[in-house]
Amino acid sequence: MSGSTGNAMLLAKGTTADVYAWGEGRVLKLFTERTPWHANEVAATRAAHKARLPVPEVMDGLIEVGQREGIVFERVDGPIMTEYLQDHPDQVEDCARQAAELQARIHATEASELPPLIEILHWSIAQADPLEDATRRAVLDLLGGLPGGESLCHNDFHPSNIIVSGRGLVVIDWAIGTRGNPLADHARTWVVSRMWLDGLERGASEQERLLGHIPAAIWRAAILQLGSAAALADCSRGSQPDLGSEHYVHGPAGLFCPGSACRCGTPMAE
């Protein structure tokens, strides 16, 4: 299919794509550049939809519109979570809990038809020009020793990729959806969290500061999904827990405890 956007209404404009109303109950995501990730977004979204996860249905695969690639999706109305929480700041923790539960559902889905995350990361790191050769080799060596997996991973799971719709939370933007280890997906959310929070340290309004803590809250809630209730109880009582238990997460900055009432002395997950 080819043509132009004509009089189609522009609904949203982003860094990599514009979104247009495209007939009854549909939207067109029209990309600014061509990349192999567009075909992967079709495949990953279809895999998630087949598993009955809350994602927009792909109504048409890659199409040509005005010499640009696009994908036609089912239209899902509602604000993204960051916008929703600007009007409902008291819902941060509840939204974080719902998002963490949704991420756990995603990880419970097998995705054998999607490319493995480790191969995608290997390619990306090899193409990362800013890295010095020694650093690139060290990172690739480390990557080679990490466990793989068959779980569906979104790999960009944060509030700006979640729509708060009338039917509940809906996850969008599956361009780098792969199969892999769920902890890698949690780590990505952690990295996004740190990027947002580090940016806030350079000065922000109170509203921006609140929004910056949303991905951190999702990550904390996700850890609680993985945690051991028994270990959490011991930790809350001030007992010395088993640091090798599943209650703890080895994050990029060390060992973290997710318990909000923790008195064990282990650094808290932010």
C-alpha atoms as a PDB file:
ATOM      1  CA  MET A   1       0.000   0.000   0.000  1.00  0.00           C
ATOM      2  CA  SER A   2       1.252   3.497  -0.838  1.00  0.00           C
ATOM      3  CA  GLY A   3      -0.125   7.017  -0.847  1.00  0.00           C
ATOM      4  CA  SER A   4      -0.008  10.069   1.396  1.00  0.00           C
ATOM      5  CA  THR A   5      -1.384  11.183   4.729  1.00  0.00           C
ATOM      6  CA  GLY A   6      -3.639  13.667   2.918  1.00  0.00           C
ATOM      7  CA  ASN A   7      -6.084  15.201   5.365  1.00  0.00           C
ATOM      8  CA  ALA A   8      -5.430  12.588   8.072  1.00  0.00           C
ATOM      9  CA  MET A   9      -5.425  14.135  11.534  1.00  0.00           C
ATOM     10  CA  LEU A  10      -2.033  14.230  13.275  1.00  0.00           C
ATOM     11  CA  LEU A  11      -2.573  12.788  16.763  1.00  0.00           C
ATOM     12  CA  ALA A  12       0.980  12.784  18.084  1.00  0.00           C
ATOM     13  CA  LYS A  13       4.448  13.765  16.945  1.00  0.00           C
ATOM     14  CA  GLY A  14       7.525  12.008  18.304  1.00  0.00           C
ATOM     15  CA  THR A  15      11.254  11.782  17.733  1.00  0.00           C
ATOM     16  CA  THR A  16      11.095   8.708  15.490  1.00  0.00           C
ATOM     17  CA  ALA A  17       7.500   8.679  14.236  1.00  0.00           C
ATOM     18  CA  ASP A  18       4.271  10.619  13.778  1.00  0.00           C
ATOM     19  CA  VAL A  19       0.874   9.110  14.581  1.00  0.00           C
ATOM     20  CA  TYR A  20      -2.184   9.855  12.424  1.00  0.00           C
ATOM     21  CA  ALA A  21      -5.841   8.918  12.651  1.00  0.00           C
ATOM     22  CA  TRP A  22      -6.251   6.358   9.859  1.00  0.00           C
ATOM     23  CA  GLY A  23      -9.845   5.414   9.319  1.00  0.00           C
ATOM     24  CA  GLU A  24     -12.334   4.065  11.827  1.00  0.00           C
ATOM     25  CA  GLY A  25     -10.652   2.647  14.918  1.00  0.00           C
ATOM     26  CA  ARG A  26      -7.147   2.758  13.440  1.00  0.00           C
ATOM     27  CA  VAL A  27      -3.985   4.833  13.614  1.00  0.00           C
ATOM     28  CA  LEU A  28      -0.954   5.056  11.357  1.00  0.00           C
ATOM     29  CA  LYS A  29       2.470   5.160  12.975  1.00  0.00           C
ATOM     30  CA  LEU A  30       4.583   6.814  10.271  1.00  0.00           C
ATOM     31  CA  PHE A  31       8.346   6.634  10.807  1.00  0.00           C
ATOM     32  CA  THR A  32      10.780   9.430  10.047  1.00  0.00           C
ATOM     33  CA  GLU A  33      13.578   7.017   9.018  1.00  0.00           C
ATOM     34  CA  ARG A  34      13.866   3.451   7.750  1.00  0.00           C
ATOM     35  CA  THR A  35      15.378   0.859  10.102  1.00  0.00           C
ATOM     36  CA  PRO A  36      15.149  -2.938  10.537  1.00  0.00           C
ATOM     37  CA  TRP A  37      13.412  -2.304  13.875  1.00  0.00           C
ATOM     38  CA  HIS A  38      10.129  -1.474  12.150  1.00  0.00           C
ATOM     39  CA  ALA A  39       9.616  -5.057  10.979  1.00  0.00           C
ATOM     40  CA  ASN A  40      10.585  -6.249  14.451  1.00  0.00           C
ATOM     41  CA  GLU A  41       7.950  -3.959  15.980  1.00  0.00           C
ATOM     42  CA  VAL A  42       5.314  -5.669  13.842  1.00  0.00           C
ATOM     43  CA  ALA A  43       6.518  -9.143  14.872  1.00  0.00           C
ATOM     44  CA  ALA A  44       6.878  -8.337  18.585  1.00  0.00           C
ATOM     45  CA  THR A  45       3.506  -6.585  18.821  1.00  0.00           C
ATOM     46  CA  ARG A  46       1.822  -9.495  17.063  1.00  0.00           C
ATOM     47  CA  ALA A  47       3.505 -11.970  19.418  1.00  0.00           C
ATOM     48  CA  ALA A  48       2.269 -10.008  22.434  1.00  0.00           C
ATOM     49  CA  HIS A  49      -1.242  -9.696  21.001  1.00  0.00           C
ATOM     50  CA  LYS A  50      -1.355 -13.419  20.216  1.00  0.00           C
ATOM     51  CA  ALA A  51      -0.544 -14.062  23.876  1.00  0.00           C
ATOM     52  CA  ARG A  52      -3.558 -11.890  24.830  1.00  0.00           C
ATOM     53  CA  LEU A  53      -1.421  -9.195  26.368  1.00  0.00           C
ATOM     54  CA  PRO A  54      -2.836  -5.646  26.364  1.00  0.00           C
ATOM     55  CA  VAL A  55      -1.242  -4.234  23.228  1.00  0.00           C
ATOM     56  CA  PRO A  56      -2.717  -2.604  20.107  1.00  0.00           C
ATOM     57  CA  GLU A  57      -3.545  -5.093  17.367  1.00  0.00           C
ATOM     58  CA  VAL A  58      -1.475  -4.748  14.197  1.00  0.00           C
ATOM     59  CA  MET A  59      -4.098  -4.059  11.534  1.00  0.00           C
ATOM     60  CA  ASP A  60      -1.629  -3.841   8.645  1.00  0.00           C
ATOM     61  CA  GLY A  61       2.077  -4.672   8.484  1.00  0.00           C
ATOM     62  CA  LEU A  62       4.728  -2.381   7.070  1.00  0.00           C
ATOM     63  CA  ILE A  63       3.240  -0.070   4.466  1.00  0.00           C
ATOM     64  CA  GLU A  64       4.571   2.764   2.302  1.00  0.00           C
ATOM     65  CA  VAL A  65       3.042   6.218   2.745  1.00  0.00           C
ATOM     66  CA  GLY A  66       4.680   9.117   0.973  1.00  0.00           C
ATOM     67  CA  GLN A  67       8.036   7.296   0.729  1.00  0.00           C
ATOM     68  CA  ARG A  68       7.989   6.625   4.462  1.00  0.00           C
ATOM     69  CA  GLU A  69       7.439   3.327   6.261  1.00  0.00           C
ATOM     70  CA  GLY A  70       4.487   2.972   8.564  1.00  0.00           C
ATOM     71  CA  ILE A  71       2.451   0.480  10.587  1.00  0.00           C
ATOM     72  CA  VAL A  72      -1.336   0.555  10.982  1.00  0.00           C
ATOM     73  CA  PHE A  73      -2.465  -0.257  14.519  1.00  0.00           C
ATOM     74  CA  GLU A  74      -5.747  -0.567  16.330  1.00  0.00           C
ATOM     75  CA  ARG A  75      -6.534   2.809  17.864  1.00  0.00           C
ATOM     76  CA  VAL A  76      -6.281   2.942  21.664  1.00  0.00           C
ATOM     77  CA  ASP A  77      -7.507   6.187  23.199  1.00  0.00           C
ATOM     78  CA  GLY A  78      -6.121   7.562  26.430  1.00  0.00           C
ATOM     79  CA  PRO A  79      -3.122   9.466  27.781  1.00  0.00           C
ATOM     80  CA  ILE A  80       0.281   7.940  28.244  1.00  0.00           C
ATOM     81  CA  MET A  81       0.998   7.242  31.886  1.00  0.00           C
ATOM     82  CA  THR A  82       3.271  10.251  32.347  1.00  0.00           C
ATOM     83  CA  GLU A  83       0.478  12.563  31.161  1.00  0.00           C
ATOM     84  CA  TYR A  84      -2.141  10.753  33.238  1.00  0.00           C
ATOM     85  CA  LEU A  85      -0.101  11.197  36.407  1.00  0.00           C
ATOM     86  CA  GLN A  86       0.321  14.898  35.802  1.00  0.00           C
ATOM     87  CA  ASP A  87      -3.423  15.143  36.502  1.00  0.00           C
ATOM     88  CA  HIS A  88      -3.482  12.315  39.077  1.00  0.00           C
ATOM     89  CA  PRO A  89      -0.256  12.597  41.109  1.00  0.00           C
ATOM     90  CA  ASP A  90      -1.755  10.570  43.952  1.00  0.00           C
ATOM     91  CA  GLN A  91      -1.900   7.521  41.642  1.00  0.00           C
ATOM     92  CA  VAL A  92       1.876   7.078  41.206  1.00  0.00           C
ATOM     93  CA  GLU A  93       2.241   4.019  43.427  1.00  0.00           C
ATOM     94  CA  ASP A  94      -0.932   2.379  42.127  1.00  0.00           C
ATOM     95  CA  CYS A  95       0.138   2.901  38.509  1.00  0.00           C
ATOM     96  CA  ALA A  96       3.587   1.551  39.353  1.00  0.00           C
ATOM     97  CA  ARG A  97       2.065  -1.587  40.883  1.00  0.00           C
ATOM     98  CA  GLN A  98      -0.178  -2.153  37.861  1.00  0.00           C
ATOM     99  CA  ALA A  99       2.741  -1.616  35.478  1.00  0.00           C
ATOM    100  CA  ALA A 100       4.924  -4.074  37.408  1.00  0.00           C
ATOM    101  CA  GLU A 101       2.174  -6.692  37.333  1.00  0.00           C
ATOM    102  CA  LEU A 102       1.825  -6.130  33.593  1.00  0.00           C
ATOM    103  CA  GLN A 103       5.560  -6.508  33.073  1.00  0.00           C
ATOM    104  CA  ALA A 104       5.423  -9.798  34.990  1.00  0.00           C
ATOM    105  CA  ARG A 105       2.644 -10.982  32.633  1.00  0.00           C
ATOM    106  CA  ILE A 106       4.811 -10.068  29.654  1.00  0.00           C
ATOM    107  CA  HIS A 107       7.719 -12.075  31.048  1.00  0.00           C
ATOM    108  CA  ALA A 108       5.467 -15.093  31.633  1.00  0.00           C
ATOM    109  CA  THR A 109       4.999 -15.277  27.850  1.00  0.00           C
ATOM    110  CA  GLU A 110       7.362 -17.315  25.687  1.00  0.00           C
ATOM    111  CA  ALA A 111       8.540 -15.641  22.491  1.00  0.00           C
ATOM    112  CA  SER A 112      10.486 -18.256  20.554  1.00  0.00           C
ATOM    113  CA  GLU A 113       9.685 -16.540  17.234  1.00  0.00           C
ATOM    114  CA  LEU A 114      11.484 -13.304  18.182  1.00  0.00           C
ATOM    115  CA  PRO A 115      15.239 -12.659  17.945  1.00  0.00           C
ATOM    116  CA  PRO A 116      17.300 -13.262  21.105  1.00  0.00           C
ATOM    117  CA  LEU A 117      18.078 -10.176  23.141  1.00  0.00           C
ATOM    118  CA  ILE A 118      21.754 -11.067  23.541  1.00  0.00           C
ATOM    119  CA  GLU A 119      22.271 -11.079  19.757  1.00  0.00           C
ATOM    120  CA  ILE A 120      20.556  -7.694  19.444  1.00  0.00           C
ATOM    121  CA  LEU A 121      22.707  -6.262  22.236  1.00  0.00           C
ATOM    122  CA  HIS A 122      25.858  -7.720  20.650  1.00  0.00           C
ATOM    123  CA  TRP A 123      25.035  -5.981  17.365  1.00  0.00           C
ATOM    124  CA  SER A 124      24.202  -2.689  19.101  1.00  0.00           C
ATOM    125  CA  ILE A 125      27.376  -2.660  21.187  1.00  0.00           C
ATOM    126  CA  ALA A 126      29.504  -3.518  18.157  1.00  0.00           C
ATOM    127  CA  GLN A 127      27.990  -0.505  16.343  1.00  0.00           C
ATOM    128  CA  ALA A 128      28.462   1.893  19.271  1.00  0.00           C
ATOM    129  CA  ASP A 129      31.090   4.241  17.829  1.00  0.00           C
ATOM    130  CA  PRO A 130      31.601   6.322  21.015  1.00  0.00           C
ATOM    131  CA  LEU A 131      32.956   3.245  22.827  1.00  0.00           C
ATOM    132  CA  GLU A 132      36.717   2.736  22.884  1.00  0.00           C
ATOM    133  CA  ASP A 133      37.799  -0.624  21.478  1.00  0.00           C
ATOM    134  CA  ALA A 134      38.986  -1.937  24.847  1.00  0.00           C
ATOM    135  CA  THR A 135      35.709  -0.983  26.482  1.00  0.00           C
ATOM    136  CA  ARG A 136      33.696  -2.534  23.665  1.00  0.00           C
ATOM    137  CA  ARG A 137      35.613  -5.826  23.930  1.00  0.00           C
ATOM    138  CA  ALA A 138      35.167  -5.904  27.704  1.00  0.00           C
ATOM    139  CA  VAL A 139      31.431  -5.300  27.436  1.00  0.00           C
ATOM    140  CA  LEU A 140      31.022  -7.949  24.741  1.00  0.00           C
ATOM    141  CA  ASP A 141      32.980 -10.448  26.846  1.00  0.00           C
ATOM    142  CA  LEU A 142      30.677  -9.722  29.773  1.00  0.00           C
ATOM    143  CA  LEU A 143      27.617 -10.031  27.555  1.00  0.00           C
ATOM    144  CA  GLY A 144      28.768 -13.434  26.354  1.00  0.00           C
ATOM    145  CA  GLY A 145      28.649 -14.766  29.906  1.00  0.00           C
ATOM    146  CA  LEU A 146      25.109 -13.612  30.674  1.00  0.00           C
ATOM    147  CA  PRO A 147      22.195 -16.073  30.638  1.00  0.00           C
ATOM    148  CA  GLY A 148      19.728 -16.019  27.798  1.00  0.00           C
ATOM    149  CA  GLY A 149      16.054 -16.836  27.997  1.00  0.00           C
ATOM    150  CA  GLU A 150      12.836 -17.426  26.103  1.00  0.00           C
ATOM    151  CA  SER A 151      10.639 -14.836  27.818  1.00  0.00           C
ATOM    152  CA  LEU A 152       9.050 -11.977  25.937  1.00  0.00           C
ATOM    153  CA  CYS A 153      10.887  -8.748  26.794  1.00  0.00           C
ATOM    154  CA  HIS A 154       9.754  -5.264  25.806  1.00  0.00           C
ATOM    155  CA  ASN A 155      13.176  -3.670  26.457  1.00  0.00           C
ATOM    156  CA  ASP A 156      11.809  -0.128  26.686  1.00  0.00           C
ATOM    157  CA  PHE A 157       9.225  -0.516  29.418  1.00  0.00           C
ATOM    158  CA  HIS A 158       8.581   2.879  31.002  1.00  0.00           C
ATOM    159  CA  PRO A 159       5.591   5.199  31.582  1.00  0.00           C
ATOM    160  CA  SER A 160       5.822   6.971  28.224  1.00  0.00           C
ATOM    161  CA  ASN A 161       5.233   3.630  26.496  1.00  0.00           C
ATOM    162  CA  ILE A 162       2.125   2.773  28.518  1.00  0.00           C
ATOM    163  CA  ILE A 163      -1.337   4.122  27.637  1.00  0.00           C
ATOM    164  CA  VAL A 164      -3.894   4.477  30.438  1.00  0.00           C
ATOM    165  CA  SER A 165      -7.009   3.526  28.482  1.00  0.00           C
ATOM    166  CA  GLY A 166     -10.611   2.765  29.327  1.00  0.00           C
ATOM    167  CA  ARG A 167      -9.791  -0.940  29.189  1.00  0.00           C
ATOM    168  CA  GLY A 168      -6.714  -0.650  31.393  1.00  0.00           C
ATOM    169  CA  LEU A 169      -2.996  -0.261  30.732  1.00  0.00           C
ATOM    170  CA  VAL A 170      -1.867  -0.858  27.137  1.00  0.00           C
ATOM    171  CA  VAL A 171       1.802  -1.237  26.190  1.00  0.00           C
ATOM    172  CA  ILE A 172       3.007   0.374  22.958  1.00  0.00           C
ATOM    173  CA  ASP A 173       6.285   0.800  21.034  1.00  0.00           C
ATOM    174  CA  TRP A 174       7.562  -2.773  20.739  1.00  0.00           C
ATOM    175  CA  ALA A 175      10.370  -1.912  18.292  1.00  0.00           C
ATOM    176  CA  ILE A 176      13.028  -3.726  20.324  1.00  0.00           C
ATOM    177  CA  GLY A 177      10.824  -6.490  21.668  1.00  0.00           C
ATOM    178  CA  THR A 178      12.816  -9.727  21.864  1.00  0.00           C
ATOM    179  CA  ARG A 179      13.061 -13.014  23.691  1.00  0.00           C
ATOM    180  CA  GLY A 180      15.434 -13.075  26.621  1.00  0.00           C
ATOM    181  CA  ASN A 181      15.958 -13.073  30.375  1.00  0.00           C
ATOM    182  CA  PRO A 182      13.351 -11.046  32.320  1.00  0.00           C
ATOM    183  CA  LEU A 183      16.074  -9.580  34.527  1.00  0.00           C
ATOM    184  CA  ALA A 184      17.487  -7.848  31.444  1.00  0.00           C
ATOM    185  CA  ASP A 185      14.127  -6.145  30.919  1.00  0.00           C
ATOM    186  CA  HIS A 186      14.034  -5.099  34.591  1.00  0.00           C
ATOM    187  CA  ALA A 187      17.587  -3.773  34.242  1.00  0.00           C
ATOM    188  CA  ARG A 188      16.527  -1.640  31.297  1.00  0.00           C
ATOM    189  CA  THR A 189      13.720  -0.130  33.377  1.00  0.00           C
ATOM    190  CA  TRP A 190      16.282   0.494  36.120  1.00  0.00           C
ATOM    191  CA  VAL A 191      18.591   2.290  33.668  1.00  0.00           C
ATOM    192  CA  VAL A 192      15.731   4.465  32.418  1.00  0.00           C
ATOM    193  CA  SER A 193      14.894   5.193  36.039  1.00  0.00           C
ATOM    194  CA  ARG A 194      18.437   6.328  36.764  1.00  0.00           C
ATOM    195  CA  MET A 195      18.573   8.474  33.627  1.00  0.00           C
ATOM    196  CA  TRP A 196      15.389  10.280  34.631  1.00  0.00           C
ATOM    197  CA  LEU A 197      16.437  10.738  38.246  1.00  0.00           C
ATOM    198  CA  ASP A 198      19.949  11.891  37.361  1.00  0.00           C
ATOM    199  CA  GLY A 199      18.413  14.503  35.086  1.00  0.00           C
ATOM    200  CA  LEU A 200      16.308  15.772  37.954  1.00  0.00           C
ATOM    201  CA  GLU A 201      19.391  16.401  40.061  1.00  0.00           C
ATOM    202  CA  ARG A 202      20.243  19.215  37.651  1.00  0.00           C
ATOM    203  CA  GLY A 203      17.064  21.045  38.616  1.00  0.00           C
ATOM    204  CA  ALA A 204      13.397  20.508  37.895  1.00  0.00           C
ATOM    205  CA  SER A 205       9.958  21.660  38.924  1.00  0.00           C
ATOM    206  CA  GLU A 206       8.054  19.722  41.567  1.00  0.00           C
ATOM    207  CA  GLN A 207       5.845  18.189  38.863  1.00  0.00           C
ATOM    208  CA  GLU A 208       8.867  17.100  36.821  1.00  0.00           C
ATOM    209  CA  ARG A 209      10.428  15.683  39.976  1.00  0.00           C
ATOM    210  CA  LEU A 210       7.314  13.610  40.614  1.00  0.00           C
ATOM    211  CA  LEU A 211       7.255  12.267  37.051  1.00  0.00           C
ATOM    212  CA  GLY A 212      10.948  11.439  37.258  1.00  0.00           C
ATOM    213  CA  HIS A 213      10.257   9.017  40.094  1.00  0.00           C
ATOM    214  CA  ILE A 214       7.608   7.053  38.180  1.00  0.00           C
ATOM    215  CA  PRO A 215       9.977   4.587  36.439  1.00  0.00           C
ATOM    216  CA  ALA A 216      11.811   4.103  39.730  1.00  0.00           C
ATOM    217  CA  ALA A 217       8.514   3.255  41.400  1.00  0.00           C
ATOM    218  CA  ILE A 218       7.748   0.751  38.636  1.00  0.00           C
ATOM    219  CA  TRP A 219      11.161  -0.837  39.092  1.00  0.00           C
ATOM    220  CA  ARG A 220      10.672  -1.050  42.860  1.00  0.00           C
ATOM    221  CA  ALA A 221       7.238  -2.611  42.401  1.00  0.00           C
ATOM    222  CA  ALA A 222       8.695  -5.064  39.870  1.00  0.00           C
ATOM    223  CA  ILE A 223      11.315  -6.177  42.401  1.00  0.00           C
ATOM    224  CA  LEU A 224       8.553  -6.829  44.895  1.00  0.00           C
ATOM    225  CA  GLN A 225       6.954  -9.053  42.252  1.00  0.00           C
ATOM    226  CA  LEU A 226      10.172 -11.085  42.180  1.00  0.00           C
ATOM    227  CA  GLY A 227      10.918 -10.967  45.893  1.00  0.00           C
ATOM    228  CA  SER A 228      10.583 -13.562  48.605  1.00  0.00           C
ATOM    229  CA  ALA A 229       7.784 -12.775  51.066  1.00  0.00           C
ATOM    230  CA  ALA A 230       9.534 -14.680  53.841  1.00  0.00           C
ATOM    231  CA  ALA A 231      12.796 -12.808  53.341  1.00  0.00           C
ATOM    232  CA  LEU A 232      10.944  -9.520  53.209  1.00  0.00           C
ATOM    233  CA  ALA A 233       9.237 -10.326  56.512  1.00  0.00           C
ATOM    234  CA  ASP A 234      12.578 -11.190  58.163  1.00  0.00           C
ATOM    235  CA  CYS A 235      14.093  -8.005  56.785  1.00  0.00           C
ATOM    236  CA  SER A 236      11.238  -5.847  58.083  1.00  0.00           C
ATOM    237  CA  ARG A 237      11.652  -7.329  61.572  1.00  0.00           C
ATOM    238  CA  GLY A 238      15.308  -6.382  61.541  1.00  0.00           C
ATOM    239  CA  SER A 239      16.521 -10.002  61.284  1.00  0.00           C
ATOM    240  CA  GLN A 240      19.643 -10.777  59.297  1.00  0.00           C
ATOM    241  CA  PRO A 241      18.279 -12.202  56.031  1.00  0.00           C
ATOM    242  CA  ASP A 242      20.005 -14.462  53.558  1.00  0.00           C
ATOM    243  CA  LEU A 243      21.697 -12.070  51.108  1.00  0.00           C
ATOM    244  CA  GLY A 244      21.675 -14.780  48.474  1.00  0.00           C
ATOM    245  CA  SER A 245      17.915 -15.086  48.546  1.00  0.00           C
ATOM    246  CA  GLU A 246      15.633 -13.980  45.740  1.00  0.00           C
ATOM    247  CA  HIS A 247      14.572 -11.098  47.993  1.00  0.00           C
ATOM    248  CA  TYR A 248      17.596  -9.173  46.742  1.00  0.00           C
ATOM    249  CA  VAL A 249      18.504  -7.886  43.309  1.00  0.00           C
ATOM    250  CA  HIS A 250      22.013  -7.311  42.020  1.00  0.00           C
ATOM    251  CA  GLY A 251      21.426  -4.059  40.192  1.00  0.00           C
ATOM    252  CA  PRO A 252      23.967  -2.073  38.164  1.00  0.00           C
ATOM    253  CA  ALA A 253      25.003  -0.178  41.289  1.00  0.00           C
ATOM    254  CA  GLY A 254      25.167  -3.125  43.680  1.00  0.00           C
ATOM    255  CA  LEU A 255      22.896  -5.096  45.974  1.00  0.00           C
ATOM    256  CA  PHE A 256      19.471  -3.627  46.705  1.00  0.00           C
ATOM    257  CA  CYS A 257      16.679  -4.453  49.106  1.00  0.00           C
ATOM    258  CA  PRO A 258      13.172  -3.502  47.982  1.00  0.00           C
ATOM    259  CA  GLY A 259      11.458  -3.510  51.359  1.00  0.00           C
ATOM    260  CA  SER A 260       9.884  -0.175  52.262  1.00  0.00           C
ATOM    261  CA  ALA A 261      10.119  -1.036  55.980  1.00  0.00           C
ATOM    262  CA  CYS A 262      13.567  -2.572  55.732  1.00  0.00           C
ATOM    263  CA  ARG A 263      15.976  -2.281  58.675  1.00  0.00           C
ATOM    264  CA  CYS A 264      18.604  -4.757  57.475  1.00  0.00           C
ATOM    265  CA  GLY A 265      21.098  -2.101  56.401  1.00  0.00           C
ATOM    266  CA  THR A 266      21.210  -3.105  52.736  1.00  0.00           C
ATOM    267  CA  PRO A 267      20.855  -0.083  50.393  1.00  0.00           C
ATOM    268  CA  MET A 268      17.283   0.481  49.345  1.00  0.00           C
ATOM    269  CA  ALA A 269      16.155   0.194  45.758  1.00  0.00           C
ATOM    270  CA  GLU A 270      15.263   3.715  44.627  1.00  0.00           C
END
